[in-house]
């Protein structure tokens, strides 16, 4: 693939850590705009919970940079997300992240076209979770 970036389980851990950091920073702002389906002001907290659970599940593990290693990483990421997702926002964002990660972790590299495809897969996953 032209312009492809190597995607390894370590890349995935860094991506989750980045997402966790930025969701934590914006949690209160996201909570404040929460209006659907109930104005319970916990959307940011619920999204953060899922990402935190996924990172917790994979952070202490070693995954080889191979097809099996990426598959094991994705399976653990998925378990962490599913066990930690809370509320509607947590389940919807977990579904998005699962489909996104499945797409980019399948072949170990990601070109811009693959990234766009992963975003679309994530959208489809989130829509199916509603």
Protein backbone atom coordinates (compact mmCIF):
# COMPACT_ATOMS: atom_id res chain seq x y z
CA UNK A 1 0.00 0.00 0.00
CA UNK A 2 1.25 3.48 -0.81
CA UNK A 3 1.75 5.70 2.22
CA UNK A 4 0.96 2.79 4.55
CA UNK A 5 1.84 3.00 8.22
CA UNK A 6 2.79 -0.13 10.13
CA UNK A 7 0.12 -1.08 12.67
CA UNK A 8 1.26 -3.32 15.51
CA UNK A 9 -0.27 -4.24 18.87
CA UNK A 10 2.10 -1.67 20.42
CA UNK A 11 0.67 0.92 18.03
CA UNK A 12 -2.77 -0.09 19.26
CA UNK A 13 -1.76 0.38 22.89
CA UNK A 14 -0.44 3.86 22.09
CA UNK A 15 -3.66 4.69 20.22
CA UNK A 16 -5.76 3.62 23.21
CA UNK A 17 -3.56 5.59 25.61
CA UNK A 18 -3.92 8.68 23.40
CA UNK A 19 -7.71 8.22 23.24
CA UNK A 20 -7.88 7.76 27.01
CA UNK A 21 -5.84 10.91 27.66
CA UNK A 22 -7.95 13.06 25.35
CA UNK A 23 -11.30 11.64 26.46
CA UNK A 24 -10.29 12.27 30.08
CA UNK A 25 -9.41 15.87 29.21
CA UNK A 26 -12.75 16.42 27.43
CA UNK A 27 -14.98 14.25 29.64
CA UNK A 28 -16.71 17.13 31.41
CA UNK A 29 -17.31 19.00 28.15
CA UNK A 30 -18.82 15.87 26.60
CA UNK A 31 -20.89 15.24 29.73
CA UNK A 32 -22.23 18.82 29.54
CA UNK A 33 -23.60 18.40 26.00
CA UNK A 34 -25.20 15.03 26.70
CA UNK A 35 -28.85 15.23 25.64
CA UNK A 36 -29.67 11.88 23.99
CA UNK A 37 -31.46 9.75 24.91
CA UNK A 38 -31.56 11.12 28.47
CA UNK A 39 -29.97 14.28 29.89
CA UNK A 40 -28.03 12.30 32.49
CA UNK A 41 -24.72 14.05 31.77
CA UNK A 42 -22.56 10.92 31.74
CA UNK A 43 -21.73 10.38 28.06
CA UNK A 44 -18.07 11.38 28.42
CA UNK A 45 -17.68 9.28 31.55
CA UNK A 46 -19.23 6.25 29.85
CA UNK A 47 -17.04 6.60 26.77
CA UNK A 48 -13.98 6.95 28.99
CA UNK A 49 -14.90 3.81 30.92
CA UNK A 50 -14.85 1.64 27.80
CA UNK A 51 -11.50 2.92 26.55
CA UNK A 52 -10.02 2.63 30.04
CA UNK A 53 -11.19 -1.00 30.26
CA UNK A 54 -9.75 -1.84 26.84
CA UNK A 55 -6.39 -0.30 27.70
CA UNK A 56 -6.33 -2.02 31.08
CA UNK A 57 -6.96 -5.39 29.39
CA UNK A 58 -4.15 -5.06 26.83
CA UNK A 59 -1.55 -2.94 28.63
CA UNK A 60 0.09 -5.70 30.66
CA UNK A 61 0.21 -8.17 27.79
CA UNK A 62 2.89 -8.81 25.19
CA UNK A 63 1.64 -9.40 21.65
CA UNK A 64 3.96 -10.42 18.83
CA UNK A 65 3.87 -8.36 15.67
CA UNK A 66 2.23 -11.09 13.61
CA UNK A 67 -1.19 -12.03 12.35
CA UNK A 68 -1.81 -14.10 15.49
CA UNK A 69 -0.45 -11.34 17.73
CA UNK A 70 -2.74 -8.74 16.15
CA UNK A 71 -5.68 -11.13 16.43
CA UNK A 72 -4.95 -11.75 20.13
CA UNK A 73 -4.58 -8.02 20.74
CA UNK A 74 -7.90 -7.32 19.01
CA UNK A 75 -9.66 -10.10 20.96
CA UNK A 76 -8.38 -8.71 24.27
CA UNK A 77 -9.25 -5.15 23.26
CA UNK A 78 -12.77 -6.32 22.43
CA UNK A 79 -13.13 -8.12 25.78
CA UNK A 80 -11.93 -5.05 27.67
CA UNK A 81 -14.36 -2.82 25.81
CA UNK A 82 -17.34 -5.11 26.29
CA UNK A 83 -16.68 -5.64 29.98
CA UNK A 84 -16.21 -1.93 30.65
CA UNK A 85 -18.78 -0.22 28.42
CA UNK A 86 -21.40 1.64 30.44
CA UNK A 87 -24.62 3.27 29.33
CA UNK A 88 -25.74 3.95 25.80
CA UNK A 89 -22.74 6.10 24.92
CA UNK A 90 -20.31 3.51 26.24
CA UNK A 91 -21.89 0.71 24.23
CA UNK A 92 -22.13 2.81 21.06
CA UNK A 93 -18.55 4.07 21.28
CA UNK A 94 -17.32 0.54 22.09
CA UNK A 95 -19.08 -0.76 18.97
CA UNK A 96 -17.44 1.99 16.93
CA UNK A 97 -13.97 1.26 18.32
CA UNK A 98 -14.35 -2.51 17.85
CA UNK A 99 -15.18 -2.22 14.15
CA UNK A 100 -12.56 0.48 13.57
CA UNK A 101 -9.82 -1.60 15.20
CA UNK A 102 -10.87 -4.82 13.49
CA UNK A 103 -10.40 -3.09 10.16
CA UNK A 104 -6.99 -1.53 10.82
CA UNK A 105 -5.48 -4.49 12.70
CA UNK A 106 -6.20 -7.19 10.13
CA UNK A 107 -3.15 -6.85 7.90
CA UNK A 108 -0.61 -4.92 9.96
CA UNK A 109 -0.50 -1.76 7.92
CA UNK A 110 -2.83 1.11 7.28
CA UNK A 111 -2.85 3.43 4.27
CA UNK A 112 -5.13 6.47 4.08
CA UNK A 113 -7.73 4.46 2.14
CA UNK A 114 -7.74 1.78 4.84
CA UNK A 115 -8.13 4.42 7.54
CA UNK A 116 -11.19 5.85 5.76
CA UNK A 117 -12.58 2.32 5.45
CA UNK A 118 -11.99 1.80 9.19
CA UNK A 119 -13.89 5.00 9.98
CA UNK A 120 -16.79 3.76 7.86
CA UNK A 121 -16.74 0.35 9.55
CA UNK A 122 -16.74 2.11 12.92
CA UNK A 123 -19.72 4.20 11.89
CA UNK A 124 -21.58 1.08 10.78
CA UNK A 125 -20.78 -0.61 14.10
CA UNK A 126 -21.99 2.38 16.09
CA UNK A 127 -25.20 2.59 14.05
CA UNK A 128 -25.91 -1.10 14.57
CA UNK A 129 -25.48 -0.66 18.33
CA UNK A 130 -28.29 1.90 18.53
